């Protein structure tokens, strides 16, 4: 999951600006997820769910999260703050977070005829959603220890420097995810993914 932070405050401050920010954020995150081999499975306001499958799914998802961080920090945020300079004094603080977990998921169609959708049942989508709602200044990517353990070195290190910091997450203890990794790093997206 990739989630825009404090979007309620922005919507209360200015609905027109909020709608432009939401659209731009979802457009950018969707393109990055798809360019990295993920599929878009749902939108929930200002949040998007990407699903990754295959042998490199964890590494692909993590690289997508780091590229979303680049897009947000270096493209979206400066453009909006420059265009809507009154946002500098608004209660809305530009931030976002991506959360990633891995595991088996059951998919079910729920609702009524002509008004239904897929629901994703399992630890991975629920924990990923909870991780994407963490708000710690400077950190915008959170993964479970299980994801971290399956990452290729290219998603763990950059020029020999660790991109991830291990930390305890008390909220995850009941779900077996009491240890997570967080990152403030970003990777620049390219047209090749």
C-alpha atoms as a PDB file:
ATOM      1  CA  UNK A   1       0.000   0.000   0.000  1.00  0.00           C
ATOM      2  CA  UNK A   2       1.078   3.566  -0.698  1.00  0.00           C
ATOM      3  CA  UNK A   3      -0.801   6.180   1.306  1.00  0.00           C
ATOM      4  CA  UNK A   4      -0.823   9.974   1.313  1.00  0.00           C
ATOM      5  CA  UNK A   5      -0.555  11.318   4.866  1.00  0.00           C
ATOM      6  CA  UNK A   6      -2.942  13.817   6.444  1.00  0.00           C
ATOM      7  CA  UNK A   7      -5.195  13.983   3.416  1.00  0.00           C
ATOM      8  CA  UNK A   8      -8.217  14.765   5.603  1.00  0.00           C
ATOM      9  CA  UNK A   9      -6.581  18.022   6.704  1.00  0.00           C
ATOM     10  CA  UNK A  10      -5.900  18.931   3.070  1.00  0.00           C
ATOM     11  CA  UNK A  11      -9.488  18.151   2.012  1.00  0.00           C
ATOM     12  CA  UNK A  12     -10.823  20.309   4.844  1.00  0.00           C
ATOM     13  CA  UNK A  13      -8.402  23.087   3.923  1.00  0.00           C
ATOM     14  CA  UNK A  14      -9.162  23.135   0.171  1.00  0.00           C
ATOM     15  CA  UNK A  15     -11.093  20.461  -1.743  1.00  0.00           C
ATOM     16  CA  UNK A  16      -9.902  21.669  -5.150  1.00  0.00           C
ATOM     17  CA  UNK A  17      -6.237  21.420  -4.200  1.00  0.00           C
ATOM     18  CA  UNK A  18      -6.885  18.100  -2.443  1.00  0.00           C
ATOM     19  CA  UNK A  19      -8.414  16.574  -5.552  1.00  0.00           C
ATOM     20  CA  UNK A  20      -5.413  17.658  -7.655  1.00  0.00           C
ATOM     21  CA  UNK A  21      -2.957  16.280  -5.100  1.00  0.00           C
ATOM     22  CA  UNK A  22      -4.848  12.971  -4.836  1.00  0.00           C
ATOM     23  CA  UNK A  23      -5.028  12.566  -8.613  1.00  0.00           C
ATOM     24  CA  UNK A  24      -1.334  13.355  -9.075  1.00  0.00           C
ATOM     25  CA  UNK A  25      -0.226  11.096  -6.241  1.00  0.00           C
ATOM     26  CA  UNK A  26      -2.317   8.165  -7.451  1.00  0.00           C
ATOM     27  CA  UNK A  27      -1.211   8.673 -11.052  1.00  0.00           C
ATOM     28  CA  UNK A  28       2.473   8.674 -10.110  1.00  0.00           C
ATOM     29  CA  UNK A  29       2.276   5.762  -7.681  1.00  0.00           C
ATOM     30  CA  UNK A  30       0.217   3.684 -10.108  1.00  0.00           C
ATOM     31  CA  UNK A  31       2.709   4.202 -12.917  1.00  0.00           C
ATOM     32  CA  UNK A  32       5.642   3.290 -10.669  1.00  0.00           C
ATOM     33  CA  UNK A  33       3.941   0.159  -9.320  1.00  0.00           C
ATOM     34  CA  UNK A  34       3.114  -1.020 -12.841  1.00  0.00           C
ATOM     35  CA  UNK A  35       6.586  -0.176 -14.199  1.00  0.00           C
ATOM     36  CA  UNK A  36       8.048  -2.413 -11.469  1.00  0.00           C
ATOM     37  CA  UNK A  37       5.885  -5.427 -12.299  1.00  0.00           C
ATOM     38  CA  UNK A  38       3.019  -4.802  -9.890  1.00  0.00           C
ATOM     39  CA  UNK A  39      -0.678  -4.772 -10.613  1.00  0.00           C
ATOM     40  CA  UNK A  40      -3.096  -2.215  -9.208  1.00  0.00           C
ATOM     41  CA  UNK A  41      -5.870  -3.897  -7.270  1.00  0.00           C
ATOM     42  CA  UNK A  42      -7.678  -1.126  -5.431  1.00  0.00           C
ATOM     43  CA  UNK A  43      -7.882   2.546  -4.596  1.00  0.00           C
ATOM     44  CA  UNK A  44      -9.192   3.830  -1.298  1.00  0.00           C
ATOM     45  CA  UNK A  45      -9.351   7.613  -1.335  1.00  0.00           C
ATOM     46  CA  UNK A  46      -5.709   8.652  -1.456  1.00  0.00           C
ATOM     47  CA  UNK A  47      -4.313   5.124  -1.030  1.00  0.00           C
ATOM     48  CA  UNK A  48      -3.412   2.542  -3.675  1.00  0.00           C
ATOM     49  CA  UNK A  49      -2.878  -1.196  -3.344  1.00  0.00           C
ATOM     50  CA  UNK A  50      -0.336  -2.879  -5.581  1.00  0.00           C
ATOM     51  CA  UNK A  51       0.063  -6.649  -5.839  1.00  0.00           C
ATOM     52  CA  UNK A  52       3.365  -8.217  -6.846  1.00  0.00           C
ATOM     53  CA  UNK A  53       3.826 -11.871  -7.823  1.00  0.00           C
ATOM     54  CA  UNK A  54       6.668 -14.026  -9.081  1.00  0.00           C
ATOM     55  CA  UNK A  55      10.175 -14.897  -7.951  1.00  0.00           C
ATOM     56  CA  UNK A  56      11.326 -11.295  -7.342  1.00  0.00           C
ATOM     57  CA  UNK A  57       8.056  -9.923  -5.966  1.00  0.00           C
ATOM     58  CA  UNK A  58       9.503  -8.665  -2.674  1.00  0.00           C
ATOM     59  CA  UNK A  59      12.449  -6.885  -4.302  1.00  0.00           C
ATOM     60  CA  UNK A  60      10.192  -5.427  -7.006  1.00  0.00           C
ATOM     61  CA  UNK A  61       7.681  -4.143  -4.438  1.00  0.00           C
ATOM     62  CA  UNK A  62      10.410  -2.599  -2.285  1.00  0.00           C
ATOM     63  CA  UNK A  63      12.053  -0.889  -5.248  1.00  0.00           C
ATOM     64  CA  UNK A  64       8.648   0.481  -6.252  1.00  0.00           C
ATOM     65  CA  UNK A  65       8.200   1.911  -2.723  1.00  0.00           C
ATOM     66  CA  UNK A  66      11.616   3.586  -2.850  1.00  0.00           C
ATOM     67  CA  UNK A  67      10.823   5.032  -6.292  1.00  0.00           C
ATOM     68  CA  UNK A  68       7.483   6.324  -5.008  1.00  0.00           C
ATOM     69  CA  UNK A  69       9.432   8.106  -2.281  1.00  0.00           C
ATOM     70  CA  UNK A  70      11.621   9.761  -4.933  1.00  0.00           C
ATOM     71  CA  UNK A  71       8.559  10.783  -6.965  1.00  0.00           C
ATOM     72  CA  UNK A  72       6.929  12.274  -3.891  1.00  0.00           C
ATOM     73  CA  UNK A  73       9.988  14.125  -2.531  1.00  0.00           C
ATOM     74  CA  UNK A  74      11.510  15.343  -5.789  1.00  0.00           C
ATOM     75  CA  UNK A  75       8.527  15.763  -8.131  1.00  0.00           C
ATOM     76  CA  UNK A  76       5.095  15.996  -6.517  1.00  0.00           C
ATOM     77  CA  UNK A  77       5.817  17.908  -3.310  1.00  0.00           C
ATOM     78  CA  UNK A  78       7.965  20.697  -4.813  1.00  0.00           C
ATOM     79  CA  UNK A  79       5.592  21.174  -7.756  1.00  0.00           C
ATOM     80  CA  UNK A  80       2.528  21.552  -5.557  1.00  0.00           C
ATOM     81  CA  UNK A  81       4.228  23.785  -3.014  1.00  0.00           C
ATOM     82  CA  UNK A  82       5.481  26.035  -5.836  1.00  0.00           C
ATOM     83  CA  UNK A  83       2.104  26.187  -7.593  1.00  0.00           C
ATOM     84  CA  UNK A  84      -0.035  26.509  -4.459  1.00  0.00           C
ATOM     85  CA  UNK A  85       2.212  28.649  -2.274  1.00  0.00           C
ATOM     86  CA  UNK A  86      -0.555  29.025   0.338  1.00  0.00           C
ATOM     87  CA  UNK A  87       0.028  25.356   1.223  1.00  0.00           C
ATOM     88  CA  UNK A  88       3.180  26.425   3.087  1.00  0.00           C
ATOM     89  CA  UNK A  89       0.984  27.911   5.828  1.00  0.00           C
ATOM     90  CA  UNK A  90      -1.735  25.232   5.771  1.00  0.00           C
ATOM     91  CA  UNK A  91      -2.164  22.563   8.466  1.00  0.00           C
ATOM     92  CA  UNK A  92      -1.489  19.931   5.790  1.00  0.00           C
ATOM     93  CA  UNK A  93       2.030  18.535   5.859  1.00  0.00           C
ATOM     94  CA  UNK A  94       3.144  16.822   2.671  1.00  0.00           C
ATOM     95  CA  UNK A  95       4.115  13.254   3.513  1.00  0.00           C
ATOM     96  CA  UNK A  96       3.394   9.745   2.315  1.00  0.00           C
ATOM     97  CA  UNK A  97       4.229   6.198   3.306  1.00  0.00           C
ATOM     98  CA  UNK A  98       4.397   2.780   1.647  1.00  0.00           C
ATOM     99  CA  UNK A  99       3.923  -0.457   3.574  1.00  0.00           C
ATOM    100  CA  UNK A 100       4.854  -3.917   2.303  1.00  0.00           C
ATOM    101  CA  UNK A 101       4.247  -7.431   3.594  1.00  0.00           C
ATOM    102  CA  UNK A 102       4.396 -10.785   1.842  1.00  0.00           C
ATOM    103  CA  UNK A 103       2.411 -13.994   2.077  1.00  0.00           C
ATOM    104  CA  UNK A 104      -0.485 -15.990   0.743  1.00  0.00           C
ATOM    105  CA  UNK A 105      -3.727 -14.135   0.192  1.00  0.00           C
ATOM    106  CA  UNK A 106      -7.261 -15.359  -0.448  1.00  0.00           C
ATOM    107  CA  UNK A 107      -9.271 -13.308  -2.908  1.00  0.00           C
ATOM    108  CA  UNK A 108     -13.055 -13.255  -2.789  1.00  0.00           C
ATOM    109  CA  UNK A 109     -15.724 -11.348  -4.649  1.00  0.00           C
ATOM    110  CA  UNK A 110     -18.022  -9.577  -2.200  1.00  0.00           C
ATOM    111  CA  UNK A 111     -21.091  -7.399  -2.506  1.00  0.00           C
ATOM    112  CA  UNK A 112     -24.240  -7.796  -4.555  1.00  0.00           C
ATOM    113  CA  UNK A 113     -24.923  -8.296  -8.250  1.00  0.00           C
ATOM    114  CA  UNK A 114     -23.701  -5.323 -10.319  1.00  0.00           C
ATOM    115  CA  UNK A 115     -22.233  -3.732  -7.208  1.00  0.00           C
ATOM    116  CA  UNK A 116     -19.311  -5.826  -5.985  1.00  0.00           C
ATOM    117  CA  UNK A 117     -15.553  -5.935  -5.845  1.00  0.00           C
ATOM    118  CA  UNK A 118     -12.661  -8.168  -4.904  1.00  0.00           C
ATOM    119  CA  UNK A 119     -11.621  -8.349  -1.259  1.00  0.00           C
ATOM    120  CA  UNK A 120      -8.127  -9.418  -0.247  1.00  0.00           C
ATOM    121  CA  UNK A 121      -8.047 -11.621   2.840  1.00  0.00           C
ATOM    122  CA  UNK A 122      -4.828 -12.448   4.648  1.00  0.00           C
ATOM    123  CA  UNK A 123      -2.061 -11.034   6.750  1.00  0.00           C
ATOM    124  CA  UNK A 124      -0.141  -9.380   3.905  1.00  0.00           C
ATOM    125  CA  UNK A 125      -2.716  -6.810   2.743  1.00  0.00           C
ATOM    126  CA  UNK A 126      -3.781  -5.991   6.294  1.00  0.00           C
ATOM    127  CA  UNK A 127      -0.256  -5.526   7.639  1.00  0.00           C
ATOM    128  CA  UNK A 128       0.799  -3.572   4.546  1.00  0.00           C
ATOM    129  CA  UNK A 129      -2.123  -1.190   5.109  1.00  0.00           C
ATOM    130  CA  UNK A 130      -1.156  -0.747   8.780  1.00  0.00           C
ATOM    131  CA  UNK A 131       2.494  -0.122   7.846  1.00  0.00           C
ATOM    132  CA  UNK A 132       1.498   2.506   5.291  1.00  0.00           C
ATOM    133  CA  UNK A 133      -0.256   4.444   8.044  1.00  0.00           C
ATOM    134  CA  UNK A 134       2.882   4.865  10.187  1.00  0.00           C
ATOM    135  CA  UNK A 135       3.881   8.518  10.467  1.00  0.00           C
ATOM    136  CA  UNK A 136       7.480   9.002  11.593  1.00  0.00           C
ATOM    137  CA  UNK A 137       9.268  12.069  10.291  1.00  0.00           C
ATOM    138  CA  UNK A 138      11.837  11.240   7.657  1.00  0.00           C
ATOM    139  CA  UNK A 139      10.744   7.620   7.082  1.00  0.00           C
ATOM    140  CA  UNK A 140       8.369   6.723   4.289  1.00  0.00           C
ATOM    141  CA  UNK A 141       8.885   3.013   3.552  1.00  0.00           C
ATOM    142  CA  UNK A 142       8.125   0.169   5.971  1.00  0.00           C
ATOM    143  CA  UNK A 143       8.499  -3.561   5.362  1.00  0.00           C
ATOM    144  CA  UNK A 144       8.110  -6.652   7.501  1.00  0.00           C
ATOM    145  CA  UNK A 145      11.107  -8.740   8.550  1.00  0.00           C
ATOM    146  CA  UNK A 146       9.833 -11.478   6.236  1.00  0.00           C
ATOM    147  CA  UNK A 147      10.030  -9.132   3.244  1.00  0.00           C
ATOM    148  CA  UNK A 148      13.470  -7.920   4.312  1.00  0.00           C
ATOM    149  CA  UNK A 149      14.738 -11.494   4.530  1.00  0.00           C
ATOM    150  CA  UNK A 150      13.752 -12.144   0.912  1.00  0.00           C
ATOM    151  CA  UNK A 151      15.251  -8.992  -0.620  1.00  0.00           C
ATOM    152  CA  UNK A 152      18.012  -9.004  -3.191  1.00  0.00           C
ATOM    153  CA  UNK A 153      21.070  -7.036  -2.060  1.00  0.00           C
ATOM    154  CA  UNK A 154      20.225  -4.301  -4.610  1.00  0.00           C
ATOM    155  CA  UNK A 155      17.175  -3.418  -2.510  1.00  0.00           C
ATOM    156  CA  UNK A 156      19.043  -3.578   0.823  1.00  0.00           C
ATOM    157  CA  UNK A 157      22.228  -1.650   0.112  1.00  0.00           C
ATOM    158  CA  UNK A 158      23.318   1.317  -1.990  1.00  0.00           C
ATOM    159  CA  UNK A 159      27.069   1.681  -2.516  1.00  0.00           C
ATOM    160  CA  UNK A 160      27.657  -0.449   0.576  1.00  0.00           C
ATOM    161  CA  UNK A 161      25.310   1.602   2.779  1.00  0.00           C
ATOM    162  CA  UNK A 162      22.313  -0.089   4.401  1.00  0.00           C
ATOM    163  CA  UNK A 163      19.050   1.460   3.210  1.00  0.00           C
ATOM    164  CA  UNK A 164      16.944  -0.138   5.964  1.00  0.00           C
ATOM    165  CA  UNK A 165      16.837   0.267   9.731  1.00  0.00           C
ATOM    166  CA  UNK A 166      15.453  -2.464  11.974  1.00  0.00           C
ATOM    167  CA  UNK A 167      12.994  -1.407  14.654  1.00  0.00           C
ATOM    168  CA  UNK A 168      10.408  -2.849  17.015  1.00  0.00           C
ATOM    169  CA  UNK A 169       6.765  -2.333  16.115  1.00  0.00           C
ATOM    170  CA  UNK A 170       4.569  -3.089  19.140  1.00  0.00           C
ATOM    171  CA  UNK A 171       1.384  -2.753  17.097  1.00  0.00           C
ATOM    172  CA  UNK A 172       2.540  -5.705  14.979  1.00  0.00           C
ATOM    173  CA  UNK A 173       3.193  -8.101  17.884  1.00  0.00           C
ATOM    174  CA  UNK A 174      -0.304  -9.668  17.838  1.00  0.00           C
ATOM    175  CA  UNK A 175       0.202 -10.516  14.145  1.00  0.00           C
ATOM    176  CA  UNK A 176       3.736 -11.908  14.391  1.00  0.00           C
ATOM    177  CA  UNK A 177       5.259  -8.782  12.856  1.00  0.00           C
ATOM    178  CA  UNK A 178       6.810  -7.143  15.894  1.00  0.00           C
ATOM    179  CA  UNK A 179      10.002  -6.416  13.957  1.00  0.00           C
ATOM    180  CA  UNK A 180       9.873  -4.222  10.880  1.00  0.00           C
ATOM    181  CA  UNK A 181      12.351  -2.289   8.772  1.00  0.00           C
ATOM    182  CA  UNK A 182      12.016   1.365   7.838  1.00  0.00           C
ATOM    183  CA  UNK A 183      13.769   3.487   5.253  1.00  0.00           C
ATOM    184  CA  UNK A 184      14.184   7.123   4.323  1.00  0.00           C
ATOM    185  CA  UNK A 185      16.005   6.209   1.103  1.00  0.00           C
ATOM    186  CA  UNK A 186      14.723   6.686  -2.410  1.00  0.00           C
ATOM    187  CA  UNK A 187      15.566   5.343  -5.861  1.00  0.00           C
ATOM    188  CA  UNK A 188      15.119   7.437  -8.952  1.00  0.00           C
ATOM    189  CA  UNK A 189      12.531   5.906 -11.313  1.00  0.00           C
ATOM    190  CA  UNK A 190      13.475   5.259 -14.912  1.00  0.00           C
ATOM    191  CA  UNK A 191      11.450   4.437 -17.998  1.00  0.00           C
ATOM    192  CA  UNK A 192      12.902   0.922 -17.836  1.00  0.00           C
ATOM    193  CA  UNK A 193      11.292   0.340 -14.421  1.00  0.00           C
END
